[in-house]
Amino acid sequence: MPKGETVIRKKCSFTGHRSISDISTVKSKVREILSELIKDGYKDFYNGGTLGFDTMCALEVINLKKELR
């Protein structure tokens, strides 16, 4: 990379509720969105670390990164 050039990394963060009423629908939508973000070049994903939505998203990121390599 030439001196003075800036690298912009795409990042995504998420946080949500601990309890999810329709987890299969939410998980499917999250997976769809995360898949598109990864394909679009997002490399860094951050979450709040709470059980529930945060954990579900983190696990989906891990699974998708393995699948899309």
N, C-alpha and C. Protein backbone atom coordinates (compact mmCIF):
# COMPACT_ATOMS: atom_id res chain seq x y z
N MET A 1 0.85 -1.17 0.00
CA MET A 1 0.00 0.00 0.00
C MET A 1 0.90 1.24 0.00
N PRO A 2 0.64 2.16 -0.92
CA PRO A 2 1.45 3.38 -0.99
C PRO A 2 1.30 4.23 0.27
N LYS A 3 2.37 4.92 0.62
CA LYS A 3 2.37 5.78 1.80
C LYS A 3 1.29 6.85 1.66
N GLY A 4 0.55 7.08 2.73
CA GLY A 4 -0.50 8.10 2.73
C GLY A 4 -1.85 7.59 2.27
N GLU A 5 -1.91 6.36 1.74
CA GLU A 5 -3.18 5.81 1.29
C GLU A 5 -3.93 5.23 2.50
N THR A 6 -5.22 5.47 2.53
CA THR A 6 -6.04 5.00 3.64
C THR A 6 -6.79 3.73 3.25
N VAL A 7 -6.78 2.77 4.14
CA VAL A 7 -7.54 1.54 3.93
C VAL A 7 -8.82 1.64 4.76
N ILE A 8 -9.92 1.43 4.10
CA ILE A 8 -11.21 1.46 4.80
C ILE A 8 -11.71 0.04 4.92
N ARG A 9 -11.91 -0.40 6.15
CA ARG A 9 -12.45 -1.75 6.40
C ARG A 9 -13.91 -1.61 6.76
N LYS A 10 -14.70 -2.47 6.17
CA LYS A 10 -16.13 -2.47 6.47
C LYS A 10 -16.36 -3.23 7.77
N LYS A 11 -17.14 -2.62 8.66
CA LYS A 11 -17.41 -3.21 9.97
C LYS A 11 -18.90 -3.24 10.24
N CYS A 12 -19.32 -4.17 11.06
CA CYS A 12 -20.73 -4.31 11.41
C CYS A 12 -20.82 -4.62 12.90
N SER A 13 -21.78 -4.02 13.56
CA SER A 13 -22.01 -4.37 14.97
C SER A 13 -23.49 -4.66 15.17
N PHE A 14 -23.77 -5.46 16.18
CA PHE A 14 -25.16 -5.77 16.47
C PHE A 14 -25.33 -6.03 17.96
N THR A 15 -26.51 -5.71 18.42
CA THR A 15 -26.91 -5.99 19.78
C THR A 15 -28.43 -6.10 19.78
N GLY A 16 -28.96 -6.86 20.68
CA GLY A 16 -30.41 -7.04 20.66
C GLY A 16 -30.93 -7.60 21.97
N HIS A 17 -32.13 -8.09 21.91
CA HIS A 17 -32.82 -8.60 23.09
C HIS A 17 -32.31 -9.97 23.49
N ARG A 18 -32.46 -10.28 24.76
CA ARG A 18 -32.07 -11.59 25.26
C ARG A 18 -33.07 -12.65 24.85
N SER A 19 -34.34 -12.29 24.84
CA SER A 19 -35.35 -13.28 24.45
C SER A 19 -35.91 -12.91 23.07
N ILE A 20 -36.03 -13.92 22.23
CA ILE A 20 -36.52 -13.73 20.86
C ILE A 20 -37.74 -14.62 20.70
N SER A 21 -38.87 -14.01 20.35
CA SER A 21 -40.12 -14.77 20.29
C SER A 21 -40.16 -15.77 19.13
N ASP A 22 -39.71 -15.36 17.95
CA ASP A 22 -39.74 -16.25 16.78
C ASP A 22 -38.31 -16.46 16.28
N ILE A 23 -37.56 -17.25 17.03
CA ILE A 23 -36.12 -17.38 16.78
C ILE A 23 -35.79 -17.92 15.40
N SER A 24 -36.58 -18.83 14.87
CA SER A 24 -36.25 -19.40 13.56
C SER A 24 -36.37 -18.36 12.45
N THR A 25 -37.37 -17.51 12.51
CA THR A 25 -37.54 -16.45 11.51
C THR A 25 -36.42 -15.42 11.63
N VAL A 26 -36.13 -15.01 12.86
CA VAL A 26 -35.08 -14.01 13.09
C VAL A 26 -33.73 -14.56 12.66
N LYS A 27 -33.44 -15.80 13.03
CA LYS A 27 -32.16 -16.42 12.68
C LYS A 27 -32.00 -16.52 11.16
N SER A 28 -33.06 -16.87 10.47
CA SER A 28 -33.01 -16.97 9.01
C SER A 28 -32.72 -15.61 8.38
N LYS A 29 -33.37 -14.57 8.88
CA LYS A 29 -33.17 -13.22 8.33
C LYS A 29 -31.76 -12.71 8.65
N VAL A 30 -31.31 -12.97 9.87
CA VAL A 30 -29.95 -12.57 10.27
C VAL A 30 -28.92 -13.26 9.37
N ARG A 31 -29.11 -14.54 9.15
CA ARG A 31 -28.19 -15.31 8.30
C ARG A 31 -28.15 -14.73 6.88
N GLU A 32 -29.32 -14.40 6.35
CA GLU A 32 -29.41 -13.81 5.01
C GLU A 32 -28.66 -12.48 4.95
N ILE A 33 -28.87 -11.62 5.93
CA ILE A 33 -28.22 -10.30 5.95
C ILE A 33 -26.71 -10.44 6.14
N LEU A 34 -26.30 -11.28 7.09
CA LEU A 34 -24.87 -11.47 7.33
C LEU A 34 -24.16 -12.05 6.12
N SER A 35 -24.81 -12.97 5.43
CA SER A 35 -24.23 -13.55 4.23
C SER A 35 -23.95 -12.48 3.19
N GLU A 36 -24.90 -11.58 3.00
CA GLU A 36 -24.73 -10.48 2.04
C GLU A 36 -23.60 -9.55 2.48
N LEU A 37 -23.53 -9.25 3.78
CA LEU A 37 -22.47 -8.36 4.27
C LEU A 37 -21.10 -8.99 4.06
N ILE A 38 -20.96 -10.27 4.35
CA ILE A 38 -19.68 -10.95 4.15
C ILE A 38 -19.30 -10.95 2.67
N LYS A 39 -20.25 -11.24 1.82
CA LYS A 39 -19.98 -11.21 0.37
C LYS A 39 -19.62 -9.81 -0.11
N ASP A 40 -20.14 -8.79 0.59
CA ASP A 40 -19.88 -7.39 0.22
C ASP A 40 -18.55 -6.88 0.81
N GLY A 41 -17.83 -7.74 1.51
CA GLY A 41 -16.51 -7.35 1.99
C GLY A 41 -16.40 -6.99 3.45
N TYR A 42 -17.47 -7.14 4.19
CA TYR A 42 -17.38 -6.88 5.63
C TYR A 42 -16.53 -7.96 6.27
N LYS A 43 -15.55 -7.53 7.06
CA LYS A 43 -14.62 -8.46 7.68
C LYS A 43 -14.72 -8.45 9.21
N ASP A 44 -15.06 -7.33 9.77
CA ASP A 44 -15.08 -7.17 11.22
C ASP A 44 -16.52 -7.10 11.73
N PHE A 45 -16.83 -7.95 12.68
CA PHE A 45 -18.16 -8.00 13.27
C PHE A 45 -18.02 -7.90 14.79
N TYR A 46 -18.82 -7.04 15.38
CA TYR A 46 -18.77 -6.82 16.83
C TYR A 46 -20.15 -7.06 17.42
N ASN A 47 -20.16 -7.62 18.62
CA ASN A 47 -21.45 -7.80 19.29
C ASN A 47 -21.32 -7.49 20.77
N GLY A 48 -22.48 -7.34 21.40
CA GLY A 48 -22.51 -6.99 22.81
C GLY A 48 -22.17 -8.14 23.73
N GLY A 49 -22.25 -9.36 23.25
CA GLY A 49 -21.85 -10.52 24.04
C GLY A 49 -22.91 -11.06 24.98
N THR A 50 -24.11 -10.54 24.92
CA THR A 50 -25.18 -11.02 25.79
C THR A 50 -25.82 -12.26 25.17
N LEU A 51 -26.28 -13.16 26.02
CA LEU A 51 -27.01 -14.32 25.53
C LEU A 51 -28.26 -13.85 24.81
N GLY A 52 -28.67 -14.58 23.82
CA GLY A 52 -29.85 -14.22 23.03
C GLY A 52 -29.42 -13.77 21.64
N PHE A 53 -29.88 -12.61 21.22
CA PHE A 53 -29.63 -12.12 19.88
C PHE A 53 -28.14 -11.97 19.59
N ASP A 54 -27.40 -11.39 20.53
CA ASP A 54 -25.96 -11.18 20.32
C ASP A 54 -25.23 -12.49 20.04
N THR A 55 -25.49 -13.48 20.86
CA THR A 55 -24.85 -14.78 20.71
C THR A 55 -25.27 -15.46 19.40
N MET A 56 -26.54 -15.37 19.08
CA MET A 56 -27.03 -15.96 17.84
C MET A 56 -26.30 -15.35 16.63
N CYS A 57 -26.15 -14.03 16.62
CA CYS A 57 -25.47 -13.36 15.51
C CYS A 57 -24.00 -13.76 15.45
N ALA A 58 -23.34 -13.81 16.59
CA ALA A 58 -21.92 -14.20 16.62
C ALA A 58 -21.72 -15.60 16.06
N LEU A 59 -22.58 -16.53 16.46
CA LEU A 59 -22.47 -17.90 15.96
C LEU A 59 -22.73 -17.97 14.46
N GLU A 60 -23.67 -17.18 13.97
CA GLU A 60 -23.94 -17.16 12.53
C GLU A 60 -22.77 -16.59 11.75
N VAL A 61 -22.11 -15.57 12.28
CA VAL A 61 -20.92 -15.01 11.62
C VAL A 61 -19.84 -16.09 11.52
N ILE A 62 -19.59 -16.79 12.61
CA ILE A 62 -18.58 -17.85 12.62
C ILE A 62 -18.92 -18.93 11.59
N ASN A 63 -20.16 -19.38 11.59
CA ASN A 63 -20.58 -20.42 10.65
C ASN A 63 -20.49 -19.97 9.20
N LEU A 64 -20.94 -18.76 8.92
CA LEU A 64 -20.92 -18.26 7.54
C LEU A 64 -19.50 -18.05 7.04
N LYS A 65 -18.63 -17.55 7.88
CA LYS A 65 -17.24 -17.34 7.46
C LYS A 65 -16.60 -18.68 7.08
N LYS A 66 -16.91 -19.72 7.82
CA LYS A 66 -16.39 -21.06 7.49
C LYS A 66 -16.96 -21.55 6.17
N GLU A 67 -18.26 -21.36 5.97
CA GLU A 67 -18.93 -21.83 4.76
C GLU A 67 -18.51 -21.06 3.51
N LEU A 68 -18.27 -19.78 3.64
CA LEU A 68 -18.00 -18.94 2.47
C LEU A 68 -16.53 -18.79 2.12
N ARG A 69 -15.66 -19.51 2.81
CA ARG A 69 -14.21 -19.43 2.49
C ARG A 69 -13.93 -19.94 1.12
